[in-house]
Every structure is written in C-alpha cells, then in structure tokens.
Amino acid sequence: MARLRYNNQAGALSADPGTSGTTINFAVAPSFATIVAPDYVPITLDPGTGTFEIVWMTAFTSGATSGTVARGQEGTT
C-alpha cells in the first residue's frame, strides 16, 4: 500500500456522498493521475459544519469526475 502525495489540491463535490457512500463525485475532474489499489490518496471532506472526515480514494481514472473511497480513515468516523 502506498500513500500518494498531492499537495494544494482543492475542489467541490457535485453530490453529497451521504454518511456511508463509497463513491464521491467531483464537480470538476481533479488533476489526479489514475489510482489503483493498493495505492490511495487521502482526501479531507469538509462540509463546512466544523466537522470533517478523512477518506482514502482507492480507485480513480485520470480525467474522471468520480472515485471510490474508503470511509472513516485516519481517526475519523
């Protein structure tokens, strides 16, 4: 498993993944390269409510607007 590093990435989701969704949909395709497990990119979801969640994006195709995530990683629930 390799943690991929992407600095200074920011964006918005086009839909709320809910409390247990494992697919996130971006409003605009992020500039990530293709990601295939066991590699992952940590992403912080911040709904603007003072709480946040760190998810790991484990599957993504470069140029796409959706990816697969593992929820509640790195001490978040």
C-alpha atoms as a PDB file:
ATOM      1  CA  MET A   1       0.000   0.000   0.000  1.00  0.00           C
ATOM      2  CA  ALA A   2       1.398   3.381  -0.959  1.00  0.00           C
ATOM      3  CA  ARG A   3       0.107   6.732   0.178  1.00  0.00           C
ATOM      4  CA  LEU A   4       0.293   9.042  -2.835  1.00  0.00           C
ATOM      5  CA  ARG A   5       1.058  12.696  -2.141  1.00  0.00           C
ATOM      6  CA  TYR A   6      -0.790  15.524  -3.819  1.00  0.00           C
ATOM      7  CA  ASN A   7      -0.326  18.981  -2.333  1.00  0.00           C
ATOM      8  CA  ASN A   8      -2.525  22.025  -2.833  1.00  0.00           C
ATOM      9  CA  GLN A   9      -5.500  20.189  -4.284  1.00  0.00           C
ATOM     10  CA  ALA A  10      -8.948  21.599  -3.645  1.00  0.00           C
ATOM     11  CA  GLY A  11     -12.337  21.130  -5.186  1.00  0.00           C
ATOM     12  CA  ALA A  12     -16.007  20.604  -4.664  1.00  0.00           C
ATOM     13  CA  LEU A  13     -18.213  17.563  -4.866  1.00  0.00           C
ATOM     14  CA  SER A  14     -21.201  17.573  -7.187  1.00  0.00           C
ATOM     15  CA  ALA A  15     -23.235  15.397  -4.823  1.00  0.00           C
ATOM     16  CA  ASP A  16     -23.242  14.605  -1.114  1.00  0.00           C
ATOM     17  CA  PRO A  17     -21.865  11.075  -0.593  1.00  0.00           C
ATOM     18  CA  GLY A  18     -24.071  10.709   2.481  1.00  0.00           C
ATOM     19  CA  THR A  19     -22.887   9.054   5.657  1.00  0.00           C
ATOM     20  CA  SER A  20     -21.901   5.741   4.108  1.00  0.00           C
ATOM     21  CA  GLY A  21     -21.435   6.293   0.377  1.00  0.00           C
ATOM     22  CA  THR A  22     -18.242   4.900  -1.126  1.00  0.00           C
ATOM     23  CA  THR A  23     -18.346   6.867  -4.370  1.00  0.00           C
ATOM     24  CA  ILE A  24     -17.544  10.558  -4.499  1.00  0.00           C
ATOM     25  CA  ASN A  25     -18.498  12.712  -7.467  1.00  0.00           C
ATOM     26  CA  PHE A  26     -16.459  15.808  -8.219  1.00  0.00           C
ATOM     27  CA  ALA A  27     -17.961  18.947  -9.777  1.00  0.00           C
ATOM     28  CA  VAL A  28     -14.819  19.248 -11.939  1.00  0.00           C
ATOM     29  CA  ALA A  29     -12.346  16.447 -12.657  1.00  0.00           C
ATOM     30  CA  PRO A  30      -9.382  16.740 -10.254  1.00  0.00           C
ATOM     31  CA  SER A  31      -5.833  16.575 -11.585  1.00  0.00           C
ATOM     32  CA  PHE A  32      -5.031  13.204 -10.011  1.00  0.00           C
ATOM     33  CA  ALA A  33      -3.318  10.522 -12.053  1.00  0.00           C
ATOM     34  CA  THR A  34      -5.044   7.141 -12.290  1.00  0.00           C
ATOM     35  CA  ILE A  35      -5.137   5.497  -8.845  1.00  0.00           C
ATOM     36  CA  VAL A  36      -5.314   1.728  -8.416  1.00  0.00           C
ATOM     37  CA  ALA A  37      -5.341  -0.157  -5.107  1.00  0.00           C
ATOM     38  CA  PRO A  38      -3.275  -0.733  -3.061  1.00  0.00           C
ATOM     39  CA  ASP A  39      -2.294   2.924  -3.686  1.00  0.00           C
ATOM     40  CA  TYR A  40      -4.522   5.654  -2.252  1.00  0.00           C
ATOM     41  CA  VAL A  41      -4.804   9.407  -1.875  1.00  0.00           C
ATOM     42  CA  PRO A  42      -6.098  10.834   1.428  1.00  0.00           C
ATOM     43  CA  ILE A  43      -8.895  13.376   0.949  1.00  0.00           C
ATOM     44  CA  THR A  44     -10.457  15.540   3.644  1.00  0.00           C
ATOM     45  CA  LEU A  45     -14.194  16.040   3.256  1.00  0.00           C
ATOM     46  CA  ASP A  46     -15.261  19.254   4.947  1.00  0.00           C
ATOM     47  CA  PRO A  47     -18.983  20.010   4.824  1.00  0.00           C
ATOM     48  CA  GLY A  48     -18.438  23.400   6.464  1.00  0.00           C
ATOM     49  CA  THR A  49     -20.065  22.339   9.722  1.00  0.00           C
ATOM     50  CA  GLY A  50     -16.933  22.261  11.853  1.00  0.00           C
ATOM     51  CA  THR A  51     -16.552  18.511  11.414  1.00  0.00           C
ATOM     52  CA  PHE A  52     -14.554  16.751   8.746  1.00  0.00           C
ATOM     53  CA  GLU A  53     -13.794  13.257   7.558  1.00  0.00           C
ATOM     54  CA  ILE A  54     -10.611  11.847   6.057  1.00  0.00           C
ATOM     55  CA  VAL A  55     -11.308   9.303   3.333  1.00  0.00           C
ATOM     56  CA  TRP A  56      -8.874   7.364   1.176  1.00  0.00           C
ATOM     57  CA  MET A  57      -9.539   7.432  -2.561  1.00  0.00           C
ATOM     58  CA  THR A  58      -8.533   3.943  -3.658  1.00  0.00           C
ATOM     59  CA  ALA A  59      -9.750   3.952  -7.258  1.00  0.00           C
ATOM     60  CA  PHE A  60      -9.819   6.790  -9.771  1.00  0.00           C
ATOM     61  CA  THR A  61      -9.327   7.144 -13.521  1.00  0.00           C
ATOM     62  CA  SER A  62      -7.429  10.242 -14.645  1.00  0.00           C
ATOM     63  CA  GLY A  63      -9.836  12.831 -16.046  1.00  0.00           C
ATOM     64  CA  ALA A  64     -12.905  11.245 -14.443  1.00  0.00           C
ATOM     65  CA  THR A  65     -15.334  13.012 -12.145  1.00  0.00           C
ATOM     66  CA  SER A  66     -15.893  10.139  -9.697  1.00  0.00           C
ATOM     67  CA  GLY A  67     -13.787   7.905  -7.493  1.00  0.00           C
ATOM     68  CA  THR A  68     -14.090   5.118  -4.958  1.00  0.00           C
ATOM     69  CA  VAL A  69     -13.248   5.869  -1.342  1.00  0.00           C
ATOM     70  CA  ALA A  70     -12.750   4.036   1.957  1.00  0.00           C
ATOM     71  CA  ARG A  71     -14.629   5.957   4.629  1.00  0.00           C
ATOM     72  CA  GLY A  72     -13.598   6.994   8.163  1.00  0.00           C
ATOM     73  CA  GLN A  73      -9.835   6.682   7.830  1.00  0.00           C
ATOM     74  CA  GLU A  74      -7.094   8.199   9.991  1.00  0.00           C
ATOM     75  CA  GLY A  75      -9.087   8.513  13.181  1.00  0.00           C
ATOM     76  CA  THR A  76     -12.289   9.918  11.690  1.00  0.00           C
ATOM     77  CA  THR A  77     -15.636   8.135  11.788  1.00  0.00           C
END
